[in-house]
Amino acid sequence: MANELFVKEVEGKPEDMKTKILEGKLASYWAERLLLEQAFIKNPDMTITDLIQSATQKFGEKIELSRFARFSVK
């Protein structure tokens, strides 16, 4: 769905630019939607993956994300 929308947005652009624009749009789209790629709320410079890796190094134990809850405000 998002892929089709992004393709329509870049119609009329040169081919080499289309590829780069689409790659950037898709990367930002998935970074917003994948939990492990999202920014850590207390430190936006760090992703959730970075947070887990730093905790693994700090505690010396393998840490896995087993579940999470998503809240939405309407």
C-alpha atoms as a PDB file:
ATOM      1  CA  MET A   1       0.000   0.000   0.000  1.00  0.00           C
ATOM      2  CA  ALA A   2       2.658   2.531   1.026  1.00  0.00           C
ATOM      3  CA  ASN A   3       4.886   1.354  -1.803  1.00  0.00           C
ATOM      4  CA  GLU A   4       2.212   2.163  -4.393  1.00  0.00           C
ATOM      5  CA  LEU A   5       1.609   5.577  -2.828  1.00  0.00           C
ATOM      6  CA  PHE A   6       5.310   6.434  -2.906  1.00  0.00           C
ATOM      7  CA  VAL A   7       5.626   5.293  -6.539  1.00  0.00           C
ATOM      8  CA  LYS A   8       2.804   7.664  -7.513  1.00  0.00           C
ATOM      9  CA  GLU A   9       4.537  10.514  -5.675  1.00  0.00           C
ATOM     10  CA  VAL A  10       7.741  10.198  -7.722  1.00  0.00           C
ATOM     11  CA  GLU A  11       6.133   9.925 -11.159  1.00  0.00           C
ATOM     12  CA  GLY A  12       7.738  12.294 -13.642  1.00  0.00           C
ATOM     13  CA  LYS A  13      11.126  12.365 -11.914  1.00  0.00           C
ATOM     14  CA  PRO A  14      14.330  11.072 -13.553  1.00  0.00           C
ATOM     15  CA  GLU A  15      14.929   7.344 -13.012  1.00  0.00           C
ATOM     16  CA  ASP A  16      18.093   7.731 -10.909  1.00  0.00           C
ATOM     17  CA  MET A  17      16.295  10.159  -8.587  1.00  0.00           C
ATOM     18  CA  LYS A  18      13.221   7.906  -8.345  1.00  0.00           C
ATOM     19  CA  THR A  19      15.248   5.064  -6.870  1.00  0.00           C
ATOM     20  CA  LYS A  20      16.929   7.231  -4.245  1.00  0.00           C
ATOM     21  CA  ILE A  21      13.687   8.973  -3.274  1.00  0.00           C
ATOM     22  CA  LEU A  22      11.813   5.679  -2.974  1.00  0.00           C
ATOM     23  CA  GLU A  23      14.565   4.124  -0.843  1.00  0.00           C
ATOM     24  CA  GLY A  24      14.511   7.110   1.512  1.00  0.00           C
ATOM     25  CA  LYS A  25      10.718   7.178   1.779  1.00  0.00           C
ATOM     26  CA  LEU A  26      10.479   3.453   2.453  1.00  0.00           C
ATOM     27  CA  ALA A  27      13.272   3.568   5.034  1.00  0.00           C
ATOM     28  CA  SER A  28      11.581   6.369   6.962  1.00  0.00           C
ATOM     29  CA  TYR A  29       8.170   4.679   6.635  1.00  0.00           C
ATOM     30  CA  TRP A  30       9.415   1.428   8.171  1.00  0.00           C
ATOM     31  CA  ALA A  31      11.530   3.198  10.800  1.00  0.00           C
ATOM     32  CA  GLU A  32       8.351   4.786  12.157  1.00  0.00           C
ATOM     33  CA  ARG A  33       6.396   1.529  12.209  1.00  0.00           C
ATOM     34  CA  LEU A  34       8.880  -1.131  13.341  1.00  0.00           C
ATOM     35  CA  LEU A  35       9.279  -1.125  17.109  1.00  0.00           C
ATOM     36  CA  LEU A  36      12.976  -1.971  17.107  1.00  0.00           C
ATOM     37  CA  GLU A  37      13.726   0.875  14.688  1.00  0.00           C
ATOM     38  CA  GLN A  38      11.785   3.526  16.604  1.00  0.00           C
ATOM     39  CA  ALA A  39      13.511   6.168  18.680  1.00  0.00           C
ATOM     40  CA  PHE A  40      13.772   5.579  22.419  1.00  0.00           C
ATOM     41  CA  ILE A  41      11.469   8.135  24.018  1.00  0.00           C
ATOM     42  CA  LYS A  42      13.943   9.175  26.740  1.00  0.00           C
ATOM     43  CA  ASN A  43      16.819   9.532  24.262  1.00  0.00           C
ATOM     44  CA  PRO A  44      15.641  10.145  20.662  1.00  0.00           C
ATOM     45  CA  ASP A  45      19.197   9.694  19.334  1.00  0.00           C
ATOM     46  CA  MET A  46      19.002   6.012  20.334  1.00  0.00           C
ATOM     47  CA  THR A  47      16.768   3.343  18.775  1.00  0.00           C
ATOM     48  CA  ILE A  48      15.120   0.529  20.722  1.00  0.00           C
ATOM     49  CA  THR A  49      17.655  -1.875  19.187  1.00  0.00           C
ATOM     50  CA  ASP A  50      20.507   0.310  20.502  1.00  0.00           C
ATOM     51  CA  LEU A  51      18.873   0.375  23.943  1.00  0.00           C
ATOM     52  CA  ILE A  52      18.632  -3.424  24.056  1.00  0.00           C
ATOM     53  CA  GLN A  53      22.239  -3.802  22.907  1.00  0.00           C
ATOM     54  CA  SER A  54      23.519  -1.358  25.527  1.00  0.00           C
ATOM     55  CA  ALA A  55      21.552  -3.171  28.249  1.00  0.00           C
ATOM     56  CA  THR A  56      23.012  -6.484  27.045  1.00  0.00           C
ATOM     57  CA  GLN A  57      26.521  -5.068  27.371  1.00  0.00           C
ATOM     58  CA  LYS A  58      25.784  -3.515  30.762  1.00  0.00           C
ATOM     59  CA  PHE A  59      24.286  -6.616  32.368  1.00  0.00           C
ATOM     60  CA  GLY A  60      26.215  -9.270  30.451  1.00  0.00           C
ATOM     61  CA  GLU A  61      23.055 -11.223  29.707  1.00  0.00           C
ATOM     62  CA  LYS A  62      21.203 -11.716  26.437  1.00  0.00           C
ATOM     63  CA  ILE A  63      18.066  -9.569  26.432  1.00  0.00           C
ATOM     64  CA  GLU A  64      15.113 -10.276  24.158  1.00  0.00           C
ATOM     65  CA  LEU A  65      11.908  -8.368  23.627  1.00  0.00           C
ATOM     66  CA  SER A  66       9.149 -10.845  24.426  1.00  0.00           C
ATOM     67  CA  ARG A  67       6.063  -8.623  24.344  1.00  0.00           C
ATOM     68  CA  PHE A  68       4.942  -5.034  24.304  1.00  0.00           C
ATOM     69  CA  ALA A  69       1.741  -3.048  24.565  1.00  0.00           C
ATOM     70  CA  ARG A  70       0.677  -0.351  22.146  1.00  0.00           C
ATOM     71  CA  PHE A  71      -1.584   2.449  23.278  1.00  0.00           C
ATOM     72  CA  SER A  72      -3.433   4.808  20.991  1.00  0.00           C
ATOM     73  CA  VAL A  73      -5.148   8.053  21.858  1.00  0.00           C
ATOM     74  CA  LYS A  74      -8.020   9.170  19.657  1.00  0.00           C
END
